Amino acid sequence: IYVLINNGTSKVEMKDVPKTGQLEVYSILGVKVRSINLGSIESDFDLPLPKGIYILKAGKVAQKIIIR
């Protein structure tokens, strides 16, 4: 999973996302913020998030991101 954070837009653009399973977005406190069915999205998409620290999890892959 490739994550690109666009400055000033607070969006996460993901590329090479698997086509099965769920993309789960957690706050740094472990609270699930959003869950997206990966089969229902394009190969790359925008995920608007407010400022903060998040953990993105898709399958066995997890990545921490910071949106300023």
C-alpha atoms as a PDB file:
ATOM      1  CA  ILE A   1       0.000   0.000   0.000  1.00  0.00           C
ATOM      2  CA  TYR A   2       1.383   3.361  -1.035  1.00  0.00           C
ATOM      3  CA  VAL A   3       0.130   6.392   0.911  1.00  0.00           C
ATOM      4  CA  LEU A   4       0.496   9.997  -0.266  1.00  0.00           C
ATOM      5  CA  ILE A   5      -0.627  12.819   1.994  1.00  0.00           C
ATOM      6  CA  ASN A   6      -1.493  15.970   0.080  1.00  0.00           C
ATOM      7  CA  ASN A   7      -0.488  19.110   1.963  1.00  0.00           C
ATOM      8  CA  GLY A   8      -3.355  21.439   2.753  1.00  0.00           C
ATOM      9  CA  THR A   9      -6.116  19.031   1.706  1.00  0.00           C
ATOM     10  CA  SER A  10      -5.992  16.529   4.598  1.00  0.00           C
ATOM     11  CA  LYS A  11      -6.639  13.672   2.193  1.00  0.00           C
ATOM     12  CA  VAL A  12      -4.870  10.357   1.883  1.00  0.00           C
ATOM     13  CA  GLU A  13      -4.353   8.996  -1.619  1.00  0.00           C
ATOM     14  CA  MET A  14      -3.688   5.265  -1.769  1.00  0.00           C
ATOM     15  CA  LYS A  15      -2.378   3.270  -4.699  1.00  0.00           C
ATOM     16  CA  ASP A  16      -1.953  -0.466  -5.252  1.00  0.00           C
ATOM     17  CA  VAL A  17      -4.703  -1.274  -2.769  1.00  0.00           C
ATOM     18  CA  PRO A  18      -5.772  -4.957  -2.625  1.00  0.00           C
ATOM     19  CA  LYS A  19      -9.208  -5.663  -4.127  1.00  0.00           C
ATOM     20  CA  THR A  20     -10.503  -7.829  -1.274  1.00  0.00           C
ATOM     21  CA  GLY A  21     -11.033  -7.222   2.421  1.00  0.00           C
ATOM     22  CA  GLN A  22     -11.452  -4.043   4.418  1.00  0.00           C
ATOM     23  CA  LEU A  23      -9.387  -0.915   4.845  1.00  0.00           C
ATOM     24  CA  GLU A  24      -9.707   0.077   8.482  1.00  0.00           C
ATOM     25  CA  VAL A  25      -8.738   3.506   9.786  1.00  0.00           C
ATOM     26  CA  TYR A  26      -7.996   3.814  13.507  1.00  0.00           C
ATOM     27  CA  SER A  27      -7.213   6.868  15.603  1.00  0.00           C
ATOM     28  CA  ILE A  28      -4.008   6.757  17.621  1.00  0.00           C
ATOM     29  CA  LEU A  29      -6.171   5.852  20.655  1.00  0.00           C
ATOM     30  CA  GLY A  30      -7.306   2.658  18.890  1.00  0.00           C
ATOM     31  CA  VAL A  31     -10.824   3.842  18.052  1.00  0.00           C
ATOM     32  CA  LYS A  32     -12.021   2.717  14.608  1.00  0.00           C
ATOM     33  CA  VAL A  33     -12.727   5.886  12.609  1.00  0.00           C
ATOM     34  CA  ARG A  34     -13.734   4.366   9.297  1.00  0.00           C
ATOM     35  CA  SER A  35     -13.995   1.017   7.521  1.00  0.00           C
ATOM     36  CA  ILE A  36     -14.075   0.760   3.724  1.00  0.00           C
ATOM     37  CA  ASN A  37     -14.731  -2.283   1.543  1.00  0.00           C
ATOM     38  CA  LEU A  38     -11.680  -2.483  -0.732  1.00  0.00           C
ATOM     39  CA  GLY A  39     -13.696  -4.150  -3.499  1.00  0.00           C
ATOM     40  CA  SER A  40     -15.898  -1.072  -3.846  1.00  0.00           C
ATOM     41  CA  ILE A  41     -13.142   1.476  -4.510  1.00  0.00           C
ATOM     42  CA  GLU A  42     -10.929   2.363  -7.443  1.00  0.00           C
ATOM     43  CA  SER A  43      -7.192   1.607  -7.530  1.00  0.00           C
ATOM     44  CA  ASP A  44      -6.563   4.972  -5.899  1.00  0.00           C
ATOM     45  CA  PHE A  45      -8.945   7.168  -3.956  1.00  0.00           C
ATOM     46  CA  ASP A  46      -9.104  10.079  -1.565  1.00  0.00           C
ATOM     47  CA  LEU A  47      -9.851   9.507   2.099  1.00  0.00           C
ATOM     48  CA  PRO A  48     -10.621  12.827   3.807  1.00  0.00           C
ATOM     49  CA  LEU A  49      -9.426  12.870   7.413  1.00  0.00           C
ATOM     50  CA  PRO A  50      -9.052  15.718   9.904  1.00  0.00           C
ATOM     51  CA  LYS A  51      -5.673  16.541  11.424  1.00  0.00           C
ATOM     52  CA  GLY A  52      -4.298  13.810  13.639  1.00  0.00           C
ATOM     53  CA  ILE A  53      -2.401  10.528  13.832  1.00  0.00           C
ATOM     54  CA  TYR A  54      -4.007   7.452  12.270  1.00  0.00           C
ATOM     55  CA  ILE A  55      -3.251   3.811  11.645  1.00  0.00           C
ATOM     56  CA  LEU A  56      -4.370   2.361   8.311  1.00  0.00           C
ATOM     57  CA  LYS A  57      -4.785  -1.408   8.201  1.00  0.00           C
ATOM     58  CA  ALA A  58      -5.502  -3.540   5.135  1.00  0.00           C
ATOM     59  CA  GLY A  59      -5.135  -7.279   5.670  1.00  0.00           C
ATOM     60  CA  LYS A  60      -1.833  -7.913   7.434  1.00  0.00           C
ATOM     61  CA  VAL A  61      -0.355  -4.543   6.436  1.00  0.00           C
ATOM     62  CA  ALA A  62      -0.594  -1.564   8.794  1.00  0.00           C
ATOM     63  CA  GLN A  63       0.836   1.913   8.375  1.00  0.00           C
ATOM     64  CA  LYS A  64       0.870   4.916  10.687  1.00  0.00           C
ATOM     65  CA  ILE A  65       0.199   8.328   9.117  1.00  0.00           C
ATOM     66  CA  ILE A  66       0.245  11.872  10.466  1.00  0.00           C
ATOM     67  CA  ILE A  67      -1.977  14.549   8.957  1.00  0.00           C
ATOM     68  CA  ARG A  68      -0.969  18.072   9.926  1.00  0.00           C
END
